[in-house]
N, C-alpha and C. Protein backbone atom coordinates (compact mmCIF):
# COMPACT_ATOMS: atom_id res chain seq x y z
N MET A 1 -46.79 -67.80 9.91
CA MET A 1 -45.68 -66.85 9.74
C MET A 1 -46.20 -65.50 9.26
N GLY A 2 -47.20 -65.53 8.36
CA GLY A 2 -47.77 -64.30 7.83
C GLY A 2 -48.41 -63.48 8.91
N GLU A 3 -49.10 -64.13 9.86
CA GLU A 3 -49.75 -63.41 10.95
C GLU A 3 -48.74 -62.71 11.85
N LYS A 4 -47.60 -63.39 12.13
CA LYS A 4 -46.56 -62.78 12.94
C LYS A 4 -45.98 -61.54 12.25
N MET A 5 -45.77 -61.69 10.94
CA MET A 5 -45.23 -60.56 10.19
C MET A 5 -46.18 -59.37 10.26
N ASN A 6 -47.47 -59.64 10.11
CA ASN A 6 -48.45 -58.56 10.14
C ASN A 6 -48.44 -57.85 11.49
N LYS A 7 -48.28 -58.62 12.59
CA LYS A 7 -48.25 -58.02 13.92
C LYS A 7 -47.02 -57.13 14.08
N ILE A 8 -45.88 -57.62 13.56
CA ILE A 8 -44.65 -56.84 13.67
C ILE A 8 -44.77 -55.54 12.88
N VAL A 9 -45.30 -55.64 11.67
CA VAL A 9 -45.47 -54.44 10.84
C VAL A 9 -46.41 -53.46 11.53
N LEU A 10 -47.48 -54.00 12.14
CA LEU A 10 -48.42 -53.14 12.85
C LEU A 10 -47.75 -52.43 14.01
N CYS A 11 -46.90 -53.14 14.78
CA CYS A 11 -46.19 -52.53 15.90
C CYS A 11 -45.28 -51.40 15.44
N ILE A 12 -44.59 -51.64 14.34
CA ILE A 12 -43.70 -50.61 13.79
C ILE A 12 -44.50 -49.39 13.36
N ALA A 13 -45.63 -49.64 12.72
CA ALA A 13 -46.47 -48.53 12.25
C ALA A 13 -46.99 -47.71 13.42
N ILE A 14 -47.41 -48.42 14.50
CA ILE A 14 -47.93 -47.71 15.67
C ILE A 14 -46.84 -46.87 16.31
N ALA A 15 -45.64 -47.45 16.46
CA ALA A 15 -44.53 -46.71 17.05
C ALA A 15 -44.18 -45.48 16.22
N ALA A 16 -44.19 -45.63 14.90
CA ALA A 16 -43.88 -44.50 14.02
C ALA A 16 -44.92 -43.41 14.14
N CYS A 17 -46.19 -43.81 14.22
CA CYS A 17 -47.27 -42.83 14.36
C CYS A 17 -47.17 -42.07 15.68
N LEU A 18 -46.83 -42.79 16.75
CA LEU A 18 -46.70 -42.14 18.05
C LEU A 18 -45.57 -41.12 18.04
N VAL A 19 -44.44 -41.48 17.42
CA VAL A 19 -43.32 -40.55 17.33
C VAL A 19 -43.71 -39.31 16.56
N MET A 20 -44.40 -39.49 15.43
CA MET A 20 -44.79 -38.35 14.61
C MET A 20 -45.84 -37.50 15.30
N ALA A 21 -46.66 -38.13 16.14
CA ALA A 21 -47.72 -37.40 16.83
C ALA A 21 -47.20 -36.59 18.00
N MET A 22 -46.02 -36.94 18.52
CA MET A 22 -45.48 -36.22 19.66
C MET A 22 -45.07 -34.82 19.24
N PRO A 23 -45.36 -33.80 20.07
CA PRO A 23 -44.95 -32.45 19.72
C PRO A 23 -43.44 -32.31 19.69
N ALA A 24 -42.96 -31.39 18.86
CA ALA A 24 -41.52 -31.15 18.79
C ALA A 24 -41.01 -30.68 20.15
N ALA A 25 -39.79 -31.03 20.46
CA ALA A 25 -39.21 -30.65 21.75
C ALA A 25 -39.22 -29.14 21.89
N ALA A 26 -39.70 -28.67 23.02
CA ALA A 26 -39.76 -27.23 23.25
C ALA A 26 -38.36 -26.69 23.52
N SER A 27 -38.17 -25.44 23.19
CA SER A 27 -36.88 -24.80 23.47
C SER A 27 -36.77 -24.46 24.95
N THR A 28 -35.58 -24.63 25.48
CA THR A 28 -35.28 -24.28 26.87
C THR A 28 -34.31 -23.11 26.88
N VAL A 29 -34.60 -22.10 27.70
CA VAL A 29 -33.76 -20.92 27.80
C VAL A 29 -32.99 -20.95 29.12
N VAL A 30 -31.68 -20.86 29.04
CA VAL A 30 -30.82 -20.82 30.23
C VAL A 30 -30.40 -19.36 30.42
N ASP A 31 -30.89 -18.73 31.51
CA ASP A 31 -30.64 -17.30 31.69
C ASP A 31 -29.60 -16.99 32.78
N PHE A 32 -29.11 -18.02 33.47
CA PHE A 32 -28.02 -17.91 34.45
C PHE A 32 -28.41 -17.14 35.72
N ASP A 33 -29.67 -16.73 35.83
CA ASP A 33 -30.07 -15.93 36.99
C ASP A 33 -30.25 -16.76 38.25
N ASP A 34 -30.36 -18.08 38.10
CA ASP A 34 -30.45 -18.94 39.28
C ASP A 34 -29.18 -19.75 39.51
N ALA A 35 -28.10 -19.37 38.81
CA ALA A 35 -26.84 -20.13 38.94
C ALA A 35 -26.15 -19.81 40.26
N ILE A 36 -26.14 -18.53 40.66
CA ILE A 36 -25.45 -18.11 41.89
C ILE A 36 -26.25 -16.98 42.53
N THR A 37 -25.90 -16.66 43.76
CA THR A 37 -26.46 -15.49 44.44
C THR A 37 -25.39 -14.46 44.75
N ASP A 38 -24.11 -14.82 44.62
CA ASP A 38 -23.01 -13.89 44.82
C ASP A 38 -22.85 -12.99 43.60
N PRO A 39 -22.11 -11.90 43.71
CA PRO A 39 -21.89 -11.03 42.55
C PRO A 39 -21.15 -11.73 41.41
N ILE A 40 -20.28 -12.68 41.75
CA ILE A 40 -19.48 -13.32 40.69
C ILE A 40 -19.00 -14.69 41.17
N THR A 41 -18.83 -15.59 40.24
CA THR A 41 -18.09 -16.83 40.46
C THR A 41 -17.24 -17.08 39.23
N TRP A 42 -16.01 -17.56 39.47
CA TRP A 42 -15.11 -17.83 38.35
C TRP A 42 -15.31 -19.23 37.81
N HIS A 43 -16.18 -20.01 38.42
CA HIS A 43 -16.44 -21.38 37.96
C HIS A 43 -17.94 -21.64 37.98
N MET A 44 -18.49 -21.96 36.83
CA MET A 44 -19.91 -22.28 36.74
C MET A 44 -20.23 -23.44 37.67
N PRO A 45 -21.34 -23.38 38.42
CA PRO A 45 -21.71 -24.52 39.27
C PRO A 45 -21.80 -25.82 38.47
N SER A 46 -21.26 -26.88 39.03
CA SER A 46 -21.21 -28.17 38.34
C SER A 46 -22.60 -28.65 37.96
N GLY A 47 -22.76 -29.02 36.69
CA GLY A 47 -24.02 -29.57 36.21
C GLY A 47 -25.13 -28.56 36.05
N TYR A 48 -24.82 -27.27 36.11
CA TYR A 48 -25.86 -26.26 36.01
C TYR A 48 -26.65 -26.41 34.70
N ALA A 49 -27.96 -26.39 34.83
CA ALA A 49 -28.90 -26.48 33.70
C ALA A 49 -28.75 -27.78 32.92
N GLY A 50 -28.14 -28.80 33.54
CA GLY A 50 -27.99 -30.09 32.88
C GLY A 50 -26.82 -30.19 31.94
N PHE A 51 -25.90 -29.20 31.99
CA PHE A 51 -24.74 -29.20 31.11
C PHE A 51 -23.45 -29.41 31.91
N ASN A 52 -22.43 -29.86 31.21
CA ASN A 52 -21.06 -29.88 31.72
C ASN A 52 -20.38 -28.60 31.22
N TRP A 53 -19.80 -27.84 32.14
CA TRP A 53 -19.17 -26.56 31.80
C TRP A 53 -17.67 -26.66 32.06
N SER A 54 -16.88 -26.25 31.10
CA SER A 54 -15.43 -26.29 31.29
C SER A 54 -15.01 -25.26 32.35
N ASP A 55 -13.76 -25.38 32.82
CA ASP A 55 -13.31 -24.65 34.00
C ASP A 55 -13.38 -23.13 33.88
N ARG A 56 -13.23 -22.60 32.70
CA ARG A 56 -13.13 -21.15 32.57
C ARG A 56 -14.48 -20.43 32.42
N TRP A 57 -15.57 -21.17 32.51
CA TRP A 57 -16.87 -20.51 32.50
C TRP A 57 -17.13 -19.86 33.86
N GLY A 58 -17.56 -18.61 33.85
CA GLY A 58 -17.95 -17.94 35.08
C GLY A 58 -19.35 -17.36 34.94
N VAL A 59 -19.87 -16.84 36.05
CA VAL A 59 -21.16 -16.15 36.07
C VAL A 59 -20.97 -14.84 36.81
N MET A 60 -21.52 -13.77 36.25
CA MET A 60 -21.29 -12.45 36.81
C MET A 60 -22.58 -11.64 36.86
N SER A 61 -22.73 -10.87 37.92
CA SER A 61 -23.82 -9.90 38.00
C SER A 61 -23.52 -8.72 37.08
N SER A 62 -24.54 -8.19 36.45
CA SER A 62 -24.34 -7.07 35.54
C SER A 62 -23.82 -5.83 36.27
N GLY A 63 -24.00 -5.77 37.59
CA GLY A 63 -23.53 -4.62 38.35
C GLY A 63 -22.19 -4.82 39.02
N TYR A 64 -21.49 -5.89 38.67
CA TYR A 64 -20.24 -6.22 39.35
C TYR A 64 -19.20 -5.10 39.24
N TYR A 65 -19.12 -4.42 38.09
CA TYR A 65 -18.13 -3.36 37.91
C TYR A 65 -18.68 -1.98 38.23
N GLY A 66 -19.81 -1.94 38.89
CA GLY A 66 -20.36 -0.66 39.34
C GLY A 66 -20.68 0.28 38.20
N ASP A 67 -20.20 1.52 38.32
CA ASP A 67 -20.49 2.53 37.30
C ASP A 67 -19.55 2.45 36.10
N ASN A 68 -18.54 1.58 36.17
CA ASN A 68 -17.63 1.43 35.03
C ASN A 68 -18.35 0.71 33.89
N PRO A 69 -18.26 1.23 32.68
CA PRO A 69 -18.94 0.58 31.55
C PRO A 69 -18.29 -0.76 31.21
N SER A 70 -19.10 -1.71 30.81
CA SER A 70 -18.59 -3.01 30.37
C SER A 70 -19.66 -3.71 29.56
N GLY A 71 -19.23 -4.65 28.75
CA GLY A 71 -20.18 -5.44 27.99
C GLY A 71 -20.98 -6.38 28.86
N TYR A 72 -20.51 -6.66 30.06
CA TYR A 72 -21.27 -7.52 30.97
C TYR A 72 -22.59 -6.86 31.34
N ALA A 73 -22.53 -5.56 31.68
CA ALA A 73 -23.75 -4.83 32.00
C ALA A 73 -24.61 -4.63 30.76
N ASN A 74 -23.97 -4.28 29.64
CA ASN A 74 -24.72 -4.03 28.41
C ASN A 74 -25.33 -5.30 27.83
N GLY A 75 -24.78 -6.45 28.20
CA GLY A 75 -25.22 -7.71 27.58
C GLY A 75 -26.28 -8.46 28.34
N THR A 76 -26.79 -7.91 29.42
CA THR A 76 -27.80 -8.60 30.21
C THR A 76 -29.15 -8.51 29.52
N ILE A 77 -29.74 -9.67 29.25
CA ILE A 77 -31.05 -9.72 28.59
C ILE A 77 -32.16 -9.88 29.61
N SER A 78 -32.02 -10.85 30.50
CA SER A 78 -33.04 -11.10 31.51
C SER A 78 -32.36 -11.16 32.88
N GLY A 79 -33.07 -10.75 33.91
CA GLY A 79 -32.47 -10.79 35.24
C GLY A 79 -31.25 -9.90 35.33
N SER A 80 -30.23 -10.37 36.06
CA SER A 80 -29.05 -9.54 36.27
C SER A 80 -27.75 -10.32 36.20
N TYR A 81 -27.76 -11.53 35.60
CA TYR A 81 -26.55 -12.34 35.51
C TYR A 81 -26.29 -12.76 34.07
N VAL A 82 -25.00 -12.90 33.75
CA VAL A 82 -24.58 -13.42 32.46
C VAL A 82 -23.47 -14.44 32.68
N ALA A 83 -23.29 -15.34 31.73
CA ALA A 83 -22.13 -16.23 31.72
C ALA A 83 -21.00 -15.54 30.98
N PHE A 84 -19.75 -15.90 31.31
CA PHE A 84 -18.63 -15.29 30.61
C PHE A 84 -17.45 -16.25 30.59
N ASN A 85 -16.54 -16.03 29.63
CA ASN A 85 -15.32 -16.84 29.54
C ASN A 85 -14.20 -16.12 30.27
N SER A 86 -13.90 -16.60 31.46
CA SER A 86 -12.90 -15.96 32.32
C SER A 86 -11.55 -15.84 31.63
N MET A 87 -10.94 -14.66 31.76
CA MET A 87 -9.63 -14.37 31.17
C MET A 87 -9.63 -14.45 29.65
N GLY A 88 -10.80 -14.49 29.06
CA GLY A 88 -10.89 -14.59 27.61
C GLY A 88 -10.46 -15.93 27.06
N MET A 89 -10.46 -16.96 27.92
CA MET A 89 -9.98 -18.28 27.53
C MET A 89 -11.06 -19.06 26.76
N PRO A 90 -10.64 -20.06 25.94
CA PRO A 90 -11.61 -20.94 25.29
C PRO A 90 -12.44 -21.70 26.32
N VAL A 91 -13.70 -21.92 26.02
CA VAL A 91 -14.61 -22.61 26.93
C VAL A 91 -15.47 -23.58 26.14
N GLU A 92 -16.06 -24.54 26.87
CA GLU A 92 -16.91 -25.55 26.23
C GLU A 92 -18.14 -25.81 27.09
N ILE A 93 -19.21 -26.23 26.41
CA ILE A 93 -20.37 -26.82 27.09
C ILE A 93 -20.62 -28.18 26.45
N SER A 94 -21.15 -29.11 27.24
CA SER A 94 -21.46 -30.43 26.70
C SER A 94 -22.57 -31.06 27.51
N ARG A 95 -23.19 -32.07 26.93
CA ARG A 95 -24.23 -32.86 27.60
C ARG A 95 -23.97 -34.33 27.33
N ASP A 96 -24.44 -35.18 28.23
CA ASP A 96 -24.29 -36.61 28.02
C ASP A 96 -25.15 -37.08 26.86
N GLU A 97 -26.30 -36.43 26.65
CA GLU A 97 -27.16 -36.73 25.51
C GLU A 97 -27.12 -35.56 24.53
N SER A 98 -27.31 -35.86 23.27
CA SER A 98 -27.21 -34.83 22.25
C SER A 98 -28.32 -33.79 22.40
N PHE A 99 -28.07 -32.61 21.86
CA PHE A 99 -29.02 -31.51 21.93
C PHE A 99 -28.86 -30.65 20.68
N VAL A 100 -29.81 -29.76 20.47
CA VAL A 100 -29.74 -28.80 19.37
C VAL A 100 -29.51 -27.43 19.99
N PHE A 101 -28.40 -26.81 19.66
CA PHE A 101 -28.08 -25.48 20.16
C PHE A 101 -28.76 -24.47 19.25
N VAL A 102 -29.81 -23.83 19.76
CA VAL A 102 -30.60 -22.90 18.95
C VAL A 102 -29.87 -21.58 18.78
N GLY A 103 -29.40 -21.00 19.88
CA GLY A 103 -28.70 -19.73 19.79
C GLY A 103 -28.54 -19.10 21.17
N ALA A 104 -27.99 -17.89 21.20
CA ALA A 104 -27.78 -17.16 22.45
C ALA A 104 -27.48 -15.71 22.12
N TYR A 105 -27.54 -14.86 23.15
CA TYR A 105 -27.14 -13.46 23.02
C TYR A 105 -25.67 -13.34 23.45
N PHE A 106 -24.87 -12.70 22.62
CA PHE A 106 -23.45 -12.52 22.90
C PHE A 106 -23.10 -11.03 22.90
N THR A 107 -22.26 -10.65 23.85
CA THR A 107 -21.78 -9.27 23.95
C THR A 107 -20.30 -9.29 24.27
N ALA A 108 -19.51 -8.47 23.58
CA ALA A 108 -18.09 -8.35 23.91
C ALA A 108 -17.95 -7.59 25.22
N ALA A 109 -17.04 -8.04 26.09
CA ALA A 109 -16.89 -7.41 27.40
C ALA A 109 -16.09 -6.11 27.33
N TRP A 110 -14.94 -6.15 26.62
CA TRP A 110 -14.02 -5.01 26.63
C TRP A 110 -13.57 -4.56 25.25
N HIS A 111 -13.53 -5.47 24.28
CA HIS A 111 -13.06 -5.15 22.93
C HIS A 111 -14.24 -5.13 21.97
N ASP A 112 -14.46 -3.99 21.32
CA ASP A 112 -15.55 -3.91 20.36
C ASP A 112 -15.21 -4.72 19.10
N ASP A 113 -16.24 -5.20 18.43
CA ASP A 113 -16.09 -6.04 17.23
C ASP A 113 -15.26 -7.29 17.53
N LEU A 114 -15.51 -7.87 18.68
CA LEU A 114 -14.83 -9.11 19.08
C LEU A 114 -15.25 -10.25 18.16
N GLN A 115 -14.29 -11.07 17.78
CA GLN A 115 -14.58 -12.24 16.95
C GLN A 115 -14.75 -13.48 17.83
N ILE A 116 -15.89 -14.13 17.70
CA ILE A 116 -16.18 -15.34 18.48
C ILE A 116 -16.42 -16.49 17.52
N THR A 117 -15.77 -17.60 17.78
CA THR A 117 -15.97 -18.81 16.97
C THR A 117 -16.60 -19.90 17.83
N ALA A 118 -17.66 -20.50 17.31
CA ALA A 118 -18.32 -21.62 17.98
C ALA A 118 -18.19 -22.85 17.09
N GLN A 119 -17.83 -23.98 17.69
CA GLN A 119 -17.67 -25.23 16.95
C GLN A 119 -18.52 -26.32 17.62
N GLY A 120 -19.33 -26.99 16.81
CA GLY A 120 -20.22 -28.02 17.33
C GLY A 120 -19.72 -29.42 17.01
N TYR A 121 -19.65 -30.27 18.03
CA TYR A 121 -19.15 -31.64 17.89
C TYR A 121 -20.24 -32.65 18.23
N LEU A 122 -20.17 -33.80 17.61
CA LEU A 122 -20.94 -34.97 18.02
C LEU A 122 -19.93 -36.09 18.18
N GLY A 123 -19.70 -36.48 19.44
CA GLY A 123 -18.59 -37.38 19.70
C GLY A 123 -17.29 -36.65 19.41
N ASP A 124 -16.41 -37.26 18.64
CA ASP A 124 -15.14 -36.63 18.29
C ASP A 124 -15.20 -35.91 16.95
N ASP A 125 -16.37 -35.90 16.31
CA ASP A 125 -16.49 -35.33 14.97
C ASP A 125 -16.92 -33.86 15.02
N LEU A 126 -16.14 -32.99 14.39
CA LEU A 126 -16.51 -31.59 14.25
C LEU A 126 -17.51 -31.48 13.11
N LEU A 127 -18.73 -31.09 13.43
CA LEU A 127 -19.79 -31.04 12.42
C LEU A 127 -20.11 -29.61 11.97
N TYR A 128 -19.92 -28.64 12.85
CA TYR A 128 -20.35 -27.28 12.55
C TYR A 128 -19.32 -26.28 13.05
N SER A 129 -19.26 -25.15 12.38
CA SER A 129 -18.39 -24.06 12.84
C SER A 129 -19.00 -22.73 12.39
N LYS A 130 -18.97 -21.75 13.29
CA LYS A 130 -19.56 -20.45 12.97
C LYS A 130 -18.74 -19.36 13.66
N THR A 131 -18.34 -18.34 12.92
CA THR A 131 -17.64 -17.20 13.48
C THR A 131 -18.51 -15.96 13.31
N PHE A 132 -18.61 -15.17 14.37
CA PHE A 132 -19.47 -13.99 14.33
C PHE A 132 -18.83 -12.87 15.14
N THR A 133 -19.37 -11.67 14.99
CA THR A 133 -18.83 -10.47 15.63
C THR A 133 -19.75 -10.02 16.75
N ALA A 134 -19.17 -9.68 17.89
CA ALA A 134 -19.94 -9.20 19.04
C ALA A 134 -19.55 -7.76 19.37
N SER A 135 -20.52 -6.96 19.73
CA SER A 135 -20.33 -5.56 20.09
C SER A 135 -20.26 -5.41 21.60
N VAL A 136 -19.60 -4.35 22.07
CA VAL A 136 -19.59 -4.05 23.51
C VAL A 136 -20.82 -3.25 23.92
N GLU A 137 -21.49 -2.64 22.97
CA GLU A 137 -22.57 -1.71 23.29
C GLU A 137 -23.90 -2.40 23.55
N SER A 138 -24.16 -3.50 22.87
CA SER A 138 -25.45 -4.17 23.01
C SER A 138 -25.32 -5.63 22.61
N PRO A 139 -26.20 -6.49 23.13
CA PRO A 139 -26.12 -7.92 22.81
C PRO A 139 -26.57 -8.21 21.39
N THR A 140 -26.00 -9.24 20.82
CA THR A 140 -26.37 -9.72 19.48
C THR A 140 -26.92 -11.13 19.59
N TRP A 141 -28.14 -11.33 19.10
CA TRP A 141 -28.69 -12.68 19.05
C TRP A 141 -28.04 -13.43 17.89
N VAL A 142 -27.47 -14.59 18.16
CA VAL A 142 -26.84 -15.41 17.13
C VAL A 142 -27.63 -16.70 17.01
N GLN A 143 -28.26 -16.89 15.85
CA GLN A 143 -29.04 -18.09 15.57
C GLN A 143 -28.11 -19.08 14.87
N PHE A 144 -28.05 -20.31 15.38
CA PHE A 144 -27.08 -21.25 14.84
C PHE A 144 -27.66 -22.16 13.76
N GLY A 145 -28.85 -22.67 13.93
CA GLY A 145 -29.44 -23.51 12.91
C GLY A 145 -28.71 -24.81 12.68
N TRP A 146 -28.05 -25.32 13.72
CA TRP A 146 -27.31 -26.57 13.61
C TRP A 146 -28.22 -27.76 13.92
N GLY A 147 -27.76 -28.95 13.57
CA GLY A 147 -28.40 -30.19 13.99
C GLY A 147 -27.89 -30.62 15.35
N ARG A 148 -27.99 -31.92 15.63
CA ARG A 148 -27.62 -32.44 16.95
C ARG A 148 -26.11 -32.33 17.20
N THR A 149 -25.78 -31.91 18.42
CA THR A 149 -24.41 -31.91 18.90
C THR A 149 -24.41 -32.42 20.34
N ASP A 150 -23.25 -32.75 20.86
CA ASP A 150 -23.16 -33.04 22.30
C ASP A 150 -22.07 -32.21 22.98
N ARG A 151 -21.38 -31.37 22.19
CA ARG A 151 -20.34 -30.51 22.76
C ARG A 151 -20.14 -29.31 21.85
N ILE A 152 -20.04 -28.12 22.46
CA ILE A 152 -19.78 -26.90 21.70
C ILE A 152 -18.61 -26.17 22.34
N ALA A 153 -17.65 -25.79 21.52
CA ALA A 153 -16.46 -25.08 21.97
C ALA A 153 -16.52 -23.63 21.47
N PHE A 154 -16.21 -22.69 22.37
CA PHE A 154 -16.19 -21.27 22.04
C PHE A 154 -14.78 -20.71 22.24
N SER A 155 -14.37 -19.86 21.31
CA SER A 155 -13.11 -19.14 21.47
C SER A 155 -13.32 -17.71 20.96
N SER A 156 -12.54 -16.77 21.48
CA SER A 156 -12.72 -15.36 21.10
C SER A 156 -11.36 -14.71 20.88
N SER A 157 -11.34 -13.72 19.99
CA SER A 157 -10.08 -13.06 19.66
C SER A 157 -10.36 -11.71 19.00
N GLY A 158 -9.29 -10.91 18.95
CA GLY A 158 -9.35 -9.65 18.19
C GLY A 158 -10.19 -8.58 18.85
N GLY A 159 -10.79 -7.77 18.03
CA GLY A 159 -11.57 -6.65 18.50
C GLY A 159 -10.71 -5.43 18.81
N THR A 160 -11.38 -4.32 19.07
CA THR A 160 -10.70 -3.05 19.35
C THR A 160 -10.93 -2.64 20.80
N PRO A 161 -9.84 -2.47 21.59
CA PRO A 161 -10.02 -2.05 22.99
C PRO A 161 -10.78 -0.73 23.08
N MET A 162 -11.69 -0.64 24.03
CA MET A 162 -12.50 0.56 24.21
C MET A 162 -11.86 1.57 25.15
N GLY A 163 -10.76 1.18 25.83
CA GLY A 163 -10.18 2.06 26.81
C GLY A 163 -10.97 2.12 28.10
N TRP A 164 -11.78 1.10 28.32
CA TRP A 164 -12.56 1.03 29.55
C TRP A 164 -11.69 0.50 30.69
N LEU A 165 -12.29 0.04 31.74
CA LEU A 165 -11.55 -0.34 32.94
C LEU A 165 -10.49 -1.40 32.66
N LEU A 166 -10.82 -2.39 31.83
CA LEU A 166 -9.91 -3.50 31.54
C LEU A 166 -9.88 -3.79 30.04
N PRO A 167 -8.79 -4.38 29.54
CA PRO A 167 -8.76 -4.93 28.19
C PRO A 167 -9.07 -6.42 28.26
N GLY A 168 -9.28 -7.05 27.13
CA GLY A 168 -9.44 -8.50 27.13
C GLY A 168 -10.46 -8.98 26.11
N THR A 169 -10.37 -10.27 25.80
CA THR A 169 -11.25 -10.87 24.79
C THR A 169 -12.39 -11.67 25.43
N GLN A 170 -12.78 -11.28 26.63
CA GLN A 170 -13.93 -11.93 27.26
C GLN A 170 -15.22 -11.57 26.53
N PHE A 171 -16.19 -12.47 26.63
CA PHE A 171 -17.53 -12.16 26.11
C PHE A 171 -18.56 -12.57 27.16
N ALA A 172 -19.72 -11.95 27.07
CA ALA A 172 -20.86 -12.31 27.92
C ALA A 172 -21.86 -13.08 27.07
N MET A 173 -22.49 -14.09 27.68
CA MET A 173 -23.53 -14.86 27.01
C MET A 173 -24.76 -14.91 27.90
N ASP A 174 -25.92 -14.66 27.32
CA ASP A 174 -27.16 -14.70 28.09
C ASP A 174 -28.25 -15.36 27.26
N ASN A 175 -29.26 -15.87 27.97
CA ASN A 175 -30.42 -16.52 27.35
C ASN A 175 -30.02 -17.56 26.31
N MET A 176 -29.12 -18.43 26.71
CA MET A 176 -28.72 -19.55 25.86
C MET A 176 -29.91 -20.48 25.65
N THR A 177 -30.23 -20.77 24.40
CA THR A 177 -31.43 -21.52 24.07
C THR A 177 -31.08 -22.82 23.36
N TYR A 178 -31.69 -23.92 23.80
CA TYR A 178 -31.41 -25.21 23.19
C TYR A 178 -32.67 -26.08 23.21
N ARG A 179 -32.62 -27.16 22.44
CA ARG A 179 -33.68 -28.16 22.44
C ARG A 179 -33.07 -29.53 22.67
N ALA A 180 -33.72 -30.33 23.49
CA ALA A 180 -33.29 -31.71 23.72
C ALA A 180 -34.48 -32.62 23.46
N PRO A 181 -34.27 -33.80 22.85
CA PRO A 181 -35.39 -34.69 22.56
C PRO A 181 -36.03 -35.19 23.84
N ALA A 182 -37.36 -35.32 23.81
CA ALA A 182 -38.08 -35.85 24.97
C ALA A 182 -37.73 -37.32 25.16
N PRO A 183 -37.61 -37.78 26.42
CA PRO A 183 -37.27 -39.19 26.68
C PRO A 183 -38.21 -40.16 25.99
N GLY A 184 -39.50 -39.83 25.92
CA GLY A 184 -40.46 -40.72 25.28
C GLY A 184 -40.18 -40.91 23.80
N ALA A 185 -39.74 -39.82 23.16
CA ALA A 185 -39.43 -39.92 21.73
C ALA A 185 -38.23 -40.83 21.51
N ILE A 186 -37.24 -40.73 22.40
CA ILE A 186 -36.05 -41.57 22.27
C ILE A 186 -36.43 -43.05 22.40
N ILE A 187 -37.30 -43.36 23.37
CA ILE A 187 -37.72 -44.74 23.58
C ILE A 187 -38.48 -45.28 22.37
N LEU A 188 -39.40 -44.47 21.84
CA LEU A 188 -40.20 -44.93 20.71
C LEU A 188 -39.35 -45.12 19.46
N VAL A 189 -38.42 -44.19 19.25
CA VAL A 189 -37.53 -44.36 18.09
C VAL A 189 -36.71 -45.63 18.24
N GLY A 190 -36.20 -45.89 19.44
CA GLY A 190 -35.44 -47.11 19.68
C GLY A 190 -36.28 -48.35 19.46
N LEU A 191 -37.55 -48.31 19.89
CA LEU A 191 -38.45 -49.43 19.69
C LEU A 191 -38.69 -49.70 18.21
N GLY A 192 -38.94 -48.63 17.48
CA GLY A 192 -39.16 -48.81 16.05
C GLY A 192 -37.94 -49.34 15.33
N THR A 193 -36.78 -48.82 15.71
CA THR A 193 -35.54 -49.28 15.09
C THR A 193 -35.28 -50.75 15.40
N GLY A 194 -35.52 -51.13 16.65
CA GLY A 194 -35.31 -52.53 17.05
C GLY A 194 -36.24 -53.48 16.32
N LEU A 195 -37.50 -53.12 16.19
CA LEU A 195 -38.47 -53.96 15.49
C LEU A 195 -38.12 -54.09 14.01
N THR A 196 -37.69 -52.97 13.44
CA THR A 196 -37.31 -53.01 12.02
C THR A 196 -36.12 -53.94 11.81
N GLY A 197 -35.12 -53.85 12.68
CA GLY A 197 -33.95 -54.73 12.56
C GLY A 197 -34.33 -56.18 12.74
N TRP A 198 -35.20 -56.48 13.69
CA TRP A 198 -35.63 -57.86 13.93
C TRP A 198 -36.37 -58.41 12.71
N LEU A 199 -37.21 -57.56 12.12
CA LEU A 199 -37.96 -57.99 10.94
C LEU A 199 -37.02 -58.31 9.78
N ARG A 200 -36.02 -57.49 9.59
CA ARG A 200 -35.07 -57.73 8.50
C ARG A 200 -34.31 -59.04 8.70
N ARG A 201 -33.94 -59.32 9.94
CA ARG A 201 -33.24 -60.58 10.22
C ARG A 201 -34.13 -61.78 9.97
N ARG A 202 -35.39 -61.66 10.33
CA ARG A 202 -36.33 -62.78 10.11
C ARG A 202 -36.49 -63.06 8.63
N ARG A 203 -36.49 -62.01 7.83
CA ARG A 203 -36.67 -62.19 6.39
C ARG A 203 -35.49 -62.91 5.74
N THR A 204 -34.31 -62.79 6.33
CA THR A 204 -33.14 -63.43 5.75
C THR A 204 -33.01 -64.89 6.16
N LEU A 205 -33.82 -65.35 7.13
CA LEU A 205 -33.72 -66.74 7.58
C LEU A 205 -34.43 -67.68 6.63
């Protein structure tokens, strides 16, 4: 019995060492430049970048409004496309597996000092909430510093109309950055957890 226990403990130790030795998950940047080729779409392509996008997410070229000023043009960080919340409506992103939302660049489309609230969920539990201000003139990087979530809801309100082409509480988002655990790490953690549980059960017999 002692030899079996030693083997189990050794397996757990090896699994733990492998997990610790694996590099931290690298950050992934979603820049929306490969989402579409048209000037605009009112619906994000299904499953784009591995996420589920609610109906009101759109993608727009920074030149869509031509010479008219807008936060869409001012908010472009890379390439020439940004994501936006159509009609200023609440929007969500989600994944089947949990992820860490690192941050993104946000720009108000039409109302300066727009208030944006982001809420992070894991399952049905609201774990995080953050409200910040976005400018129409230039993008603001918002670092979230949250733990794991599987769904994030965004809503926007307020701000001061600029008197530009249109009014509204739309915002532009670019270079959305997140981290997801590597599949190998998930397997090793599951292996270690399973071995630990089996060992505990054996000790109670």
